[in-house]
C-alpha atoms as a PDB file:
ATOM      1  CA  MET A   1      90.631  96.298  82.981  1.00  0.00           C
ATOM      2  CA  ALA A   2      92.010  93.610  85.033  1.00  0.00           C
ATOM      3  CA  TYR A   3      94.830  94.876  87.355  1.00  0.00           C
ATOM      4  CA  HIS A   4      97.915  92.741  87.855  1.00  0.00           C
ATOM      5  CA  HIS A   5      99.974  95.291  89.730  1.00  0.00           C
ATOM      6  CA  LEU A   6      97.449  97.502  91.671  1.00  0.00           C
ATOM      7  CA  PHE A   7      95.572  96.550  94.834  1.00  0.00           C
ATOM      8  CA  GLY A   8      92.833  97.974  96.799  1.00  0.00           C
ATOM      9  CA  PRO A   9      91.990 100.616  97.731  1.00  0.00           C
ATOM     10  CA  VAL A  10      93.275  99.181 100.940  1.00  0.00           C
ATOM     11  CA  PRO A  11      91.734 100.324 104.401  1.00  0.00           C
ATOM     12  CA  SER A  12      94.974 101.486 105.937  1.00  0.00           C
ATOM     13  CA  ARG A  13      95.307 102.586 109.666  1.00  0.00           C
ATOM     14  CA  ARG A  14      98.080 104.963 108.751  1.00  0.00           C
ATOM     15  CA  LEU A  15      97.240 105.967 105.409  1.00  0.00           C
ATOM     16  CA  GLY A  16      93.448 106.051 105.131  1.00  0.00           C
ATOM     17  CA  ILE A  17      92.238 105.164 101.572  1.00  0.00           C
ATOM     18  CA  SER A  18      95.276 103.793 100.073  1.00  0.00           C
ATOM     19  CA  LEU A  19      95.813 102.479  96.458  1.00  0.00           C
ATOM     20  CA  GLY A  20      98.630  99.908  96.516  1.00  0.00           C
ATOM     21  CA  ILE A  21     101.166  99.330  93.808  1.00  0.00           C
ATOM     22  CA  ASP A  22     102.976  96.062  93.998  1.00  0.00           C
ATOM     23  CA  LEU A  23     106.419  96.308  92.156  1.00  0.00           C
ATOM     24  CA  VAL A  24     107.997  92.898  92.862  1.00  0.00           C
ATOM     25  CA  PRO A  25     106.864  89.356  92.672  1.00  0.00           C
ATOM     26  CA  HIS A  26     105.965  87.576  95.764  1.00  0.00           C
ATOM     27  CA  LYS A  27     107.945  87.407  97.845  1.00  0.00           C
ATOM     28  CA  THR A  28     111.108  89.312  96.590  1.00  0.00           C
ATOM     29  CA  CYS A  29     112.884  91.341  99.253  1.00  0.00           C
ATOM     30  CA  SER A  30     116.256  92.249 100.816  1.00  0.00           C
ATOM     31  CA  TYR A  31     115.051  91.158 104.319  1.00  0.00           C
ATOM     32  CA  ASN A  32     113.443  88.013 105.551  1.00  0.00           C
ATOM     33  CA  CYS A  33     111.626  89.477 108.621  1.00  0.00           C
ATOM     34  CA  ILE A  34     110.121  87.193 111.242  1.00  0.00           C
ATOM     35  CA  TYR A  35     107.137  89.341 111.622  1.00  0.00           C
ATOM     36  CA  CYS A  36     106.191  89.790 107.855  1.00  0.00           C
ATOM     37  CA  GLU A  37     102.547  89.426 107.147  1.00  0.00           C
ATOM     38  CA  CYS A  38     103.493  88.265 103.397  1.00  0.00           C
ATOM     39  CA  GLY A  39     105.440  85.367 104.781  1.00  0.00           C
ATOM     40  CA  LYS A  40     108.744  83.921 104.182  1.00  0.00           C
ATOM     41  CA  THR A  41     111.132  85.591 101.679  1.00  0.00           C
ATOM     42  CA  THR A  42     111.612  83.315  98.662  1.00  0.00           C
ATOM     43  CA  ASP A  43     114.002  85.584  96.738  1.00  0.00           C
ATOM     44  CA  LEU A  44     116.378  87.341  99.123  1.00  0.00           C
ATOM     45  CA  THR A  45     118.122  89.799  97.041  1.00  0.00           C
ATOM     46  CA  THR A  46     119.647  93.318  96.901  1.00  0.00           C
ATOM     47  CA  GLU A  47     119.692  93.481  93.036  1.00  0.00           C
ATOM     48  CA  ARG A  48     117.755  96.274  91.528  1.00  0.00           C
ATOM     49  CA  ARG A  49     116.117  95.420  88.130  1.00  0.00           C
ATOM     50  CA  GLU A  50     112.765  95.622  86.397  1.00  0.00           C
ATOM     51  CA  TYR A  51     110.915  92.893  88.252  1.00  0.00           C
ATOM     52  CA  VAL A  52     107.709  93.764  86.499  1.00  0.00           C
ATOM     53  CA  LYS A  53     107.102  95.682  83.408  1.00  0.00           C
ATOM     54  CA  THR A  54     107.215  99.413  84.361  1.00  0.00           C
ATOM     55  CA  ALA A  55     105.055 100.262  81.183  1.00  0.00           C
ATOM     56  CA  GLU A  56     102.344  97.834  82.383  1.00  0.00           C
ATOM     57  CA  VAL A  57     102.262  99.540  85.919  1.00  0.00           C
ATOM     58  CA  ILE A  58     102.018 103.084  84.192  1.00  0.00           C
ATOM     59  CA  GLU A  59      99.121 101.686  81.850  1.00  0.00           C
ATOM     60  CA  GLU A  60      97.248 100.412  84.750  1.00  0.00           C
ATOM     61  CA  LEU A  61      97.606 103.590  86.960  1.00  0.00           C
ATOM     62  CA  ARG A  62      96.568 105.763  83.977  1.00  0.00           C
ATOM     63  CA  GLU A  63      93.511 103.631  83.367  1.00  0.00           C
ATOM     64  CA  TYR A  64      92.516 103.406  87.144  1.00  0.00           C
ATOM     65  CA  LEU A  65      93.338 106.997  88.047  1.00  0.00           C
ATOM     66  CA  GLY A  66      91.575 108.405  85.093  1.00  0.00           C
ATOM     67  CA  THR A  67      88.211 107.589  86.905  1.00  0.00           C
ATOM     68  CA  SER A  68      89.208 110.162  89.514  1.00  0.00           C
ATOM     69  CA  PRO A  69      88.900 107.861  92.537  1.00  0.00           C
ATOM     70  CA  GLU A  70      88.964 109.295  96.060  1.00  0.00           C
ATOM     71  CA  LEU A  71      92.405 108.374  97.657  1.00  0.00           C
ATOM     72  CA  ASP A  72      94.360 109.572 100.574  1.00  0.00           C
ATOM     73  CA  TYR A  73      97.571 108.079  99.149  1.00  0.00           C
ATOM     74  CA  ILE A  74      98.901 105.990  96.306  1.00  0.00           C
ATOM     75  CA  THR A  75     101.328 103.663  98.208  1.00  0.00           C
ATOM     76  CA  LEU A  76     104.209 101.880  96.656  1.00  0.00           C
ATOM     77  CA  ALA A  77     104.077  98.645  98.782  1.00  0.00           C
ATOM     78  CA  GLY A  78     103.066  94.962  98.317  1.00  0.00           C
ATOM     79  CA  SER A  79     104.691  91.542  98.146  1.00  0.00           C
ATOM     80  CA  GLY A  80     108.290  92.763  98.944  1.00  0.00           C
ATOM     81  CA  GLU A  81     110.704  95.593  98.988  1.00  0.00           C
ATOM     82  CA  PRO A  82     109.477  98.274  96.322  1.00  0.00           C
ATOM     83  CA  THR A  83     112.874  99.921  96.048  1.00  0.00           C
ATOM     84  CA  LEU A  84     114.322  96.910  94.359  1.00  0.00           C
ATOM     85  CA  HIS A  85     112.344  97.726  91.268  1.00  0.00           C
ATOM     86  CA  SER A  86     114.621  99.946  88.957  1.00  0.00           C
ATOM     87  CA  GLY A  87     111.579 101.451  87.383  1.00  0.00           C
ATOM     88  CA  MET A  88     110.204 102.961  90.745  1.00  0.00           C
ATOM     89  CA  GLY A  89     111.548 106.327  90.091  1.00  0.00           C
ATOM     90  CA  GLU A  90     109.947 106.616  86.616  1.00  0.00           C
ATOM     91  CA  ILE A  91     106.449 105.603  88.029  1.00  0.00           C
ATOM     92  CA  ILE A  92     106.772 108.274  90.809  1.00  0.00           C
ATOM     93  CA  ARG A  93     107.727 110.903  88.243  1.00  0.00           C
ATOM     94  CA  PHE A  94     104.831 109.598  85.932  1.00  0.00           C
ATOM     95  CA  LEU A  95     102.241 110.036  88.783  1.00  0.00           C
ATOM     96  CA  LYS A  96     103.591 113.412  89.609  1.00  0.00           C
ATOM     97  CA  ALA A  97     103.375 114.671  85.904  1.00  0.00           C
ATOM     98  CA  GLU A  98      99.900 113.148  85.120  1.00  0.00           C
ATOM     99  CA  PHE A  99      98.255 112.985  88.587  1.00  0.00           C
ATOM    100  CA  PRO A 100      99.799 115.577  90.679  1.00  0.00           C
ATOM    101  CA  ALA A 101      96.532 115.804  92.997  1.00  0.00           C
ATOM    102  CA  TYR A 102      97.345 112.420  94.538  1.00  0.00           C
ATOM    103  CA  ARG A 103      99.979 112.029  97.216  1.00  0.00           C
ATOM    104  CA  ILE A 104     102.496 109.150  96.895  1.00  0.00           C
ATOM    105  CA  ALA A 105     103.791 107.109  99.826  1.00  0.00           C
ATOM    106  CA  VAL A 106     106.603 104.440  99.880  1.00  0.00           C
ATOM    107  CA  LEU A 107     106.903 101.987 102.489  1.00  0.00           C
ATOM    108  CA  THR A 108     110.451 100.422 102.538  1.00  0.00           C
ATOM    109  CA  ASN A 109     112.648  98.563 104.857  1.00  0.00           C
ATOM    110  CA  GLY A 110     115.241 101.341 104.113  1.00  0.00           C
ATOM    111  CA  SER A 111     118.002  98.650 103.375  1.00  0.00           C
ATOM    112  CA  LEU A 112     118.707 100.141 100.004  1.00  0.00           C
ATOM    113  CA  LEU A 113     118.751 103.720 100.958  1.00  0.00           C
ATOM    114  CA  PRO A 114     122.563 103.718 101.191  1.00  0.00           C
ATOM    115  CA  ASP A 115     122.399 103.732  97.354  1.00  0.00           C
ATOM    116  CA  PRO A 116     122.175 107.376  96.091  1.00  0.00           C
ATOM    117  CA  GLU A 117     120.286 106.273  92.912  1.00  0.00           C
ATOM    118  CA  VAL A 118     117.584 104.702  95.246  1.00  0.00           C
ATOM    119  CA  ARG A 119     117.448 107.978  97.214  1.00  0.00           C
ATOM    120  CA  ALA A 120     117.143 110.068  93.924  1.00  0.00           C
ATOM    121  CA  ASP A 121     114.201 107.793  92.765  1.00  0.00           C
ATOM    122  CA  LEU A 122     112.258 108.562  95.947  1.00  0.00           C
ATOM    123  CA  MET A 123     112.693 112.389  95.733  1.00  0.00           C
ATOM    124  CA  GLU A 124     109.455 113.224  94.310  1.00  0.00           C
ATOM    125  CA  ALA A 125     107.310 111.113  96.709  1.00  0.00           C
ATOM    126  CA  ASP A 126     105.264 112.994  99.285  1.00  0.00           C
ATOM    127  CA  LEU A 127     105.825 110.533 102.143  1.00  0.00           C
ATOM    128  CA  VAL A 128     108.444 107.762 102.770  1.00  0.00           C
ATOM    129  CA  ILE A 129     108.135 105.275 105.774  1.00  0.00           C
ATOM    130  CA  PRO A 130     111.312 103.452 106.247  1.00  0.00           C
ATOM    131  CA  THR A 131     111.636 100.850 108.993  1.00  0.00           C
ATOM    132  CA  LEU A 132     114.083 100.831 111.893  1.00  0.00           C
ATOM    133  CA  ASN A 133     113.776  97.796 114.063  1.00  0.00           C
ATOM    134  CA  ALA A 134     117.023  97.634 115.850  1.00  0.00           C
ATOM    135  CA  VAL A 135     120.404  99.434 116.215  1.00  0.00           C
ATOM    136  CA  SER A 136     122.500  96.557 117.648  1.00  0.00           C
ATOM    137  CA  GLU A 137     123.644  94.081 114.787  1.00  0.00           C
ATOM    138  CA  PRO A 138     122.544  90.954 116.754  1.00  0.00           C
ATOM    139  CA  ALA A 139     118.937  92.391 117.120  1.00  0.00           C
ATOM    140  CA  PHE A 140     118.907  93.602 113.604  1.00  0.00           C
ATOM    141  CA  ARG A 141     119.904  90.214 112.180  1.00  0.00           C
ATOM    142  CA  LYS A 142     117.474  88.214 114.335  1.00  0.00           C
ATOM    143  CA  ILE A 143     114.584  90.422 113.542  1.00  0.00           C
ATOM    144  CA  ASN A 144     115.158  91.202 109.852  1.00  0.00           C
ATOM    145  CA  ARG A 145     117.218  88.198 108.723  1.00  0.00           C
ATOM    146  CA  PRO A 146     118.793  90.441 105.963  1.00  0.00           C
ATOM    147  CA  HIS A 147     120.806  89.653 102.733  1.00  0.00           C
ATOM    148  CA  ARG A 148     124.328  89.022 103.727  1.00  0.00           C
ATOM    149  CA  GLU A 149     125.653  92.263 102.035  1.00  0.00           C
ATOM    150  CA  ILE A 150     123.414  94.385 104.326  1.00  0.00           C
ATOM    151  CA  THR A 151     124.635  95.777 107.602  1.00  0.00           C
ATOM    152  CA  GLN A 152     122.556  97.785 110.345  1.00  0.00           C
ATOM    153  CA  LYS A 153     125.216 100.510 110.210  1.00  0.00           C
ATOM    154  CA  ALA A 154     124.848 101.070 106.567  1.00  0.00           C
ATOM    155  CA  VAL A 155     121.235 101.098 106.860  1.00  0.00           C
ATOM    156  CA  ILE A 156     121.025 103.768 109.330  1.00  0.00           C
ATOM    157  CA  GLU A 157     123.602 105.825 107.453  1.00  0.00           C
ATOM    158  CA  GLY A 158     121.334 105.373 104.390  1.00  0.00           C
ATOM    159  CA  ILE A 159     118.193 106.472 106.248  1.00  0.00           C
ATOM    160  CA  THR A 160     120.008 109.565 107.738  1.00  0.00           C
ATOM    161  CA  ALA A 161     121.345 110.587 104.376  1.00  0.00           C
ATOM    162  CA  PHE A 162     117.965 110.266 102.826  1.00  0.00           C
ATOM    163  CA  ALA A 163     116.317 112.359 105.713  1.00  0.00           C
ATOM    164  CA  ARG A 164     118.971 115.066 104.875  1.00  0.00           C
ATOM    165  CA  GLU A 165     118.218 115.247 101.221  1.00  0.00           C
ATOM    166  CA  PHE A 166     114.400 114.435 101.157  1.00  0.00           C
ATOM    167  CA  GLN A 167     111.797 117.491 101.263  1.00  0.00           C
ATOM    168  CA  GLY A 168     108.804 115.460 101.891  1.00  0.00           C
ATOM    169  CA  ALA A 169     107.582 113.813 105.116  1.00  0.00           C
ATOM    170  CA  ILE A 170     109.418 110.874 106.732  1.00  0.00           C
ATOM    171  CA  TRP A 171     107.535 108.721 109.373  1.00  0.00           C
ATOM    172  CA  LEU A 172     109.998 106.260 110.817  1.00  0.00           C
ATOM    173  CA  GLU A 173     108.411 102.730 111.652  1.00  0.00           C
ATOM    174  CA  VAL A 174     109.748 101.119 114.786  1.00  0.00           C
ATOM    175  CA  PHE A 175     108.522  97.494 114.943  1.00  0.00           C
ATOM    176  CA  ILE A 176     108.614  95.976 118.301  1.00  0.00           C
ATOM    177  CA  VAL A 177     109.262  92.346 118.712  1.00  0.00           C
ATOM    178  CA  PRO A 178     108.998  91.325 122.382  1.00  0.00           C
ATOM    179  CA  GLY A 179     112.254  89.654 123.801  1.00  0.00           C
ATOM    180  CA  ILE A 180     114.493  91.059 121.111  1.00  0.00           C
ATOM    181  CA  ASN A 181     114.252  94.892 120.654  1.00  0.00           C
ATOM    182  CA  ASP A 182     112.056  96.059 123.697  1.00  0.00           C
ATOM    183  CA  SER A 183     114.745  96.386 126.278  1.00  0.00           C
ATOM    184  CA  ASP A 184     115.466  99.867 127.545  1.00  0.00           C
ATOM    185  CA  GLU A 185     119.073  99.535 126.386  1.00  0.00           C
ATOM    186  CA  GLU A 186     117.999  98.622 122.800  1.00  0.00           C
ATOM    187  CA  VAL A 187     115.416 101.328 122.698  1.00  0.00           C
ATOM    188  CA  ARG A 188     117.998 103.870 123.959  1.00  0.00           C
ATOM    189  CA  LEU A 189     120.125 102.875 120.927  1.00  0.00           C
ATOM    190  CA  ILE A 190     117.098 103.214 118.614  1.00  0.00           C
ATOM    191  CA  ASP A 191     116.332 106.668 120.155  1.00  0.00           C
ATOM    192  CA  ALA A 192     119.866 107.810 119.400  1.00  0.00           C
ATOM    193  CA  ALA A 193     119.410 106.810 115.689  1.00  0.00           C
ATOM    194  CA  ILE A 194     116.138 108.433 115.591  1.00  0.00           C
ATOM    195  CA  THR A 195     117.685 111.803 116.935  1.00  0.00           C
ATOM    196  CA  ALA A 196     120.245 111.535 114.134  1.00  0.00           C
ATOM    197  CA  ILE A 197     117.728 110.920 111.444  1.00  0.00           C
ATOM    198  CA  ARG A 198     115.211 113.547 112.619  1.00  0.00           C
ATOM    199  CA  PRO A 199     112.041 112.048 111.074  1.00  0.00           C
ATOM    200  CA  ASP A 200     108.634 113.903 111.228  1.00  0.00           C
ATOM    201  CA  LYS A 201     107.390 111.392 113.442  1.00  0.00           C
ATOM    202  CA  VAL A 202     107.982 107.789 114.928  1.00  0.00           C
ATOM    203  CA  GLN A 203     105.273 105.111 114.344  1.00  0.00           C
ATOM    204  CA  LEU A 204     105.517 102.408 117.084  1.00  0.00           C
ATOM    205  CA  ASN A 205     104.221  99.295 115.829  1.00  0.00           C
ATOM    206  CA  THR A 206     103.916  95.558 116.616  1.00  0.00           C
ATOM    207  CA  LEU A 207     102.465  92.450 115.201  1.00  0.00           C
ATOM    208  CA  ASP A 208      98.741  92.566 114.492  1.00  0.00           C
ATOM    209  CA  ARG A 209      98.396  89.571 112.206  1.00  0.00           C
ATOM    210  CA  PRO A 210     100.397  86.238 111.801  1.00  0.00           C
ATOM    211  CA  GLY A 211     103.917  86.802 110.782  1.00  0.00           C
ATOM    212  CA  ALA A 212     106.442  84.604 108.923  1.00  0.00           C
ATOM    213  CA  VAL A 213     107.526  82.976 112.171  1.00  0.00           C
ATOM    214  CA  ALA A 214     104.913  81.456 114.497  1.00  0.00           C
ATOM    215  CA  TRP A 215     106.500  82.259 117.767  1.00  0.00           C
ATOM    216  CA  VAL A 216     106.456  86.002 117.320  1.00  0.00           C
ATOM    217  CA  GLU A 217     103.787  87.731 119.592  1.00  0.00           C
ATOM    218  CA  PRO A 218     102.667  91.273 119.722  1.00  0.00           C
ATOM    219  CA  ALA A 219     104.039  93.736 122.422  1.00  0.00           C
ATOM    220  CA  ASP A 220     101.297  94.642 124.939  1.00  0.00           C
ATOM    221  CA  GLU A 221     100.036  98.033 125.398  1.00  0.00           C
ATOM    222  CA  ALA A 222     102.094  98.717 128.656  1.00  0.00           C
ATOM    223  CA  THR A 223     105.181  97.820 126.763  1.00  0.00           C
ATOM    224  CA  LEU A 224     104.477 100.192 123.853  1.00  0.00           C
ATOM    225  CA  LYS A 225     103.671 103.012 126.235  1.00  0.00           C
ATOM    226  CA  ARG A 226     107.009 102.292 128.116  1.00  0.00           C
ATOM    227  CA  ILE A 227     109.015 102.441 124.882  1.00  0.00           C
ATOM    228  CA  ALA A 228     107.176 105.410 123.673  1.00  0.00           C
ATOM    229  CA  ALA A 229     108.106 107.312 126.665  1.00  0.00           C
ATOM    230  CA  LEU A 230     111.849 106.457 126.260  1.00  0.00           C
ATOM    231  CA  ILE A 231     111.868 107.838 122.658  1.00  0.00           C
ATOM    232  CA  THR A 232     112.696 111.383 122.619  1.00  0.00           C
ATOM    233  CA  GLY A 233     114.200 112.045 119.221  1.00  0.00           C
ATOM    234  CA  ALA A 234     110.806 112.671 117.467  1.00  0.00           C
ATOM    235  CA  PRO A 235     107.016 112.690 118.207  1.00  0.00           C
ATOM    236  CA  VAL A 236     105.665 109.174 118.746  1.00  0.00           C
ATOM    237  CA  GLU A 237     102.561 107.662 117.526  1.00  0.00           C
ATOM    238  CA  ILE A 238     101.433 104.087 118.601  1.00  0.00           C
ATOM    239  CA  VAL A 239      99.973 102.471 115.522  1.00  0.00           C
ATOM    240  CA  ALA A 240      98.377  99.753 117.592  1.00  0.00           C
ATOM    241  CA  ALA A 241      96.168 102.479 119.315  1.00  0.00           C
ATOM    242  CA  LEU A 242      94.903 104.144 116.036  1.00  0.00           C
ATOM    243  CA  PRO A 243      91.149 103.783 115.103  1.00  0.00           C
ATOM    244  CA  SER A 244      89.704 100.610 113.883  1.00  0.00           C
ATOM    245  CA  ARG A 245      89.665  99.851 110.170  1.00  0.00           C
ATOM    246  CA  ASP A 246      85.955  99.847 109.958  1.00  0.00           C
ATOM    247  CA  THR A 247      85.982 103.613 110.357  1.00  0.00           C
ATOM    248  CA  VAL A 248      87.986 103.825 107.112  1.00  0.00           C
ATOM    249  CA  ALA A 249      85.925 104.806 104.155  1.00  0.00           C
ATOM    250  CA  SER A 250      87.491 102.249 101.867  1.00  0.00           C
ATOM    251  CA  PHE A 251      86.449  99.492 104.061  1.00  0.00           C
ATOM    252  CA  HIS A 252      83.975  97.169 102.386  1.00  0.00           C
ATOM    253  CA  GLU A 253      81.455  95.316 104.690  1.00  0.00           C
ATOM    254  CA  GLU A 254      80.595  92.857 102.037  1.00  0.00           C
ATOM    255  CA  VAL A 255      84.240  91.571 101.697  1.00  0.00           C
ATOM    256  CA  ALA A 256      84.216  91.136 105.518  1.00  0.00           C
ATOM    257  CA  ASP A 257      80.857  89.175 105.271  1.00  0.00           C
ATOM    258  CA  PHE A 258      82.179  86.950 102.443  1.00  0.00           C
ATOM    259  CA  ILE A 259      85.423  85.956 104.517  1.00  0.00           C
ATOM    260  CA  MET A 260      83.077  85.235 107.444  1.00  0.00           C
ATOM    261  CA  THR A 261      80.950  82.929 105.144  1.00  0.00           C
ATOM    262  CA  MET A 262      84.028  81.289 103.794  1.00  0.00           C
ATOM    263  CA  VAL A 263      85.678  80.569 107.137  1.00  0.00           C
ATOM    264  CA  ARG A 264      82.298  79.179 108.495  1.00  0.00           C
ATOM    265  CA  ARG A 265      82.354  76.519 105.911  1.00  0.00           C
ATOM    266  CA  ARG A 266      85.966  75.616 106.652  1.00  0.00           C
ATOM    267  CA  PRO A 267      89.008  77.154 108.326  1.00  0.00           C
ATOM    268  CA  ALA A 268      90.968  79.213 105.550  1.00  0.00           C
ATOM    269  CA  THR A 269      94.429  80.774 105.305  1.00  0.00           C
ATOM    270  CA  ALA A 270      95.063  84.253 104.125  1.00  0.00           C
ATOM    271  CA  ASP A 271      96.311  82.682 100.893  1.00  0.00           C
ATOM    272  CA  ASP A 272      93.047  80.694 100.620  1.00  0.00           C
ATOM    273  CA  ILE A 273      90.902  83.834 100.954  1.00  0.00           C
ATOM    274  CA  SER A 274      93.230  85.804  98.642  1.00  0.00           C
ATOM    275  CA  ARG A 275      92.704  83.036  95.967  1.00  0.00           C
ATOM    276  CA  SER A 276      88.900  82.932  96.545  1.00  0.00           C
ATOM    277  CA  THR A 277      88.167  86.747  96.562  1.00  0.00           C
ATOM    278  CA  GLY A 278      90.796  87.755  93.920  1.00  0.00           C
ATOM    279  CA  LEU A 279      92.054  90.270  96.418  1.00  0.00           C
ATOM    280  CA  HIS A 280      95.755  91.094  96.993  1.00  0.00           C
ATOM    281  CA  LYS A 281      97.105  89.252 100.163  1.00  0.00           C
ATOM    282  CA  ASN A 282      97.823  92.617 101.730  1.00  0.00           C
ATOM    283  CA  GLU A 283      94.300  93.676 101.307  1.00  0.00           C
ATOM    284  CA  VAL A 284      93.110  90.227 102.662  1.00  0.00           C
ATOM    285  CA  ASN A 285      95.252  90.827 105.681  1.00  0.00           C
ATOM    286  CA  LYS A 286      93.423  94.102 106.412  1.00  0.00           C
ATOM    287  CA  TYR A 287      90.240  92.502 106.744  1.00  0.00           C
ATOM    288  CA  ILE A 288      91.569  89.495 108.639  1.00  0.00           C
ATOM    289  CA  GLN A 289      92.674  92.001 111.227  1.00  0.00           C
ATOM    290  CA  PHE A 290      89.442  93.890 111.372  1.00  0.00           C
ATOM    291  CA  LEU A 291      87.741  90.469 111.928  1.00  0.00           C
ATOM    292  CA  LEU A 292      90.198  89.544 114.612  1.00  0.00           C
ATOM    293  CA  GLU A 293      89.980  92.795 116.368  1.00  0.00           C
ATOM    294  CA  SER A 294      86.082  92.628 116.391  1.00  0.00           C
ATOM    295  CA  GLY A 295      86.077  89.150 117.768  1.00  0.00           C
ATOM    296  CA  GLU A 296      84.481  87.581 114.897  1.00  0.00           C
ATOM    297  CA  ILE A 297      87.301  85.114 114.140  1.00  0.00           C
ATOM    298  CA  THR A 298      90.153  83.453 115.771  1.00  0.00           C
ATOM    299  CA  ARG A 299      93.462  81.717 114.567  1.00  0.00           C
ATOM    300  CA  LYS A 300      94.950  78.417 114.774  1.00  0.00           C
ATOM    301  CA  THR A 301      98.233  76.935 113.262  1.00  0.00           C
ATOM    302  CA  GLY A 302      97.919  73.959 111.100  1.00  0.00           C
ATOM    303  CA  GLU A 303     100.296  71.984 108.553  1.00  0.00           C
ATOM    304  CA  ARG A 304      99.980  74.699 105.770  1.00  0.00           C
ATOM    305  CA  GLY A 305     100.125  77.894 108.161  1.00  0.00           C
ATOM    306  CA  VAL A 306      97.675  79.856 109.963  1.00  0.00           C
ATOM    307  CA  PHE A 307      94.165  79.231 109.586  1.00  0.00           C
ATOM    308  CA  PHE A 308      91.089  81.519 110.527  1.00  0.00           C
ATOM    309  CA  LEU A 309      87.825  80.192 111.803  1.00  0.00           C
ATOM    310  CA  PRO A 310      84.775  81.663 113.541  1.00  0.00           C
ATOM    311  CA  LYS A 311      85.548  82.468 117.246  1.00  0.00           C
ATOM    312  CA  ASN A 312      82.622  80.590 118.578  1.00  0.00           C
ATOM    313  CA  ASP A 313      83.779  77.377 116.967  1.00  0.00           C
END
């Protein structure tokens, strides 16, 4: 069966062997984050509707999971904000009813959590990872470039309300963009919000592959450690320090080899690699990052975006 809404299993640093579910067309989101690996948002919206057919997603899941694959998580993520899909709750409930052995994770920017219906749709998930990048409105808008209806105050209130209602685990992602949200003052504001939300842990993250805006750079290790020391509202895990993806069981060496063969012929973008391999762009990005970390490839910016090529070229 050809899968249109499932991708992976993806080798994920945070979630191990993760089967992705993509619930919105590329790139449909309530944010237009400057660091997003999926690129610039083309449909900036807060409208919840059935962006893809819920019945098709369920059919694909029933077919794929019927083979009893070994997975650490089934993850709602992909080409945009999954909570925009009005059938998200139905899909989660289906998984819990027919495949209860699998854990369900949802990666969300948290912008729709002020909506009680969105929070209700997430209640049967096992793990929800909302993002909190900034507390001050200027930093929030500079990093996330949200839909005009969204305010940071409402987002924090929504995440806090969800944390009070949700019985599963909450890992709060804090994504650091140097020069915007890495000052001691901004981090203290973030920590105050973390204290109010009370997540199970904070995942401190930074850029590890090209974002939507070329000037965004990753925070260095010293900066991440300084910020981690300032956060007292929950235990902190620095995502950038987690083990390399080649230790994840779902990592396929032959895929990495194919990508190397491809870029040796000519430099290629993540979109080029995705079209050639048939892999979802999120999955391609995981392999690109592994090859960058291992020193096999490097990157350069061209007219069509960021290109990858062998490092010795």
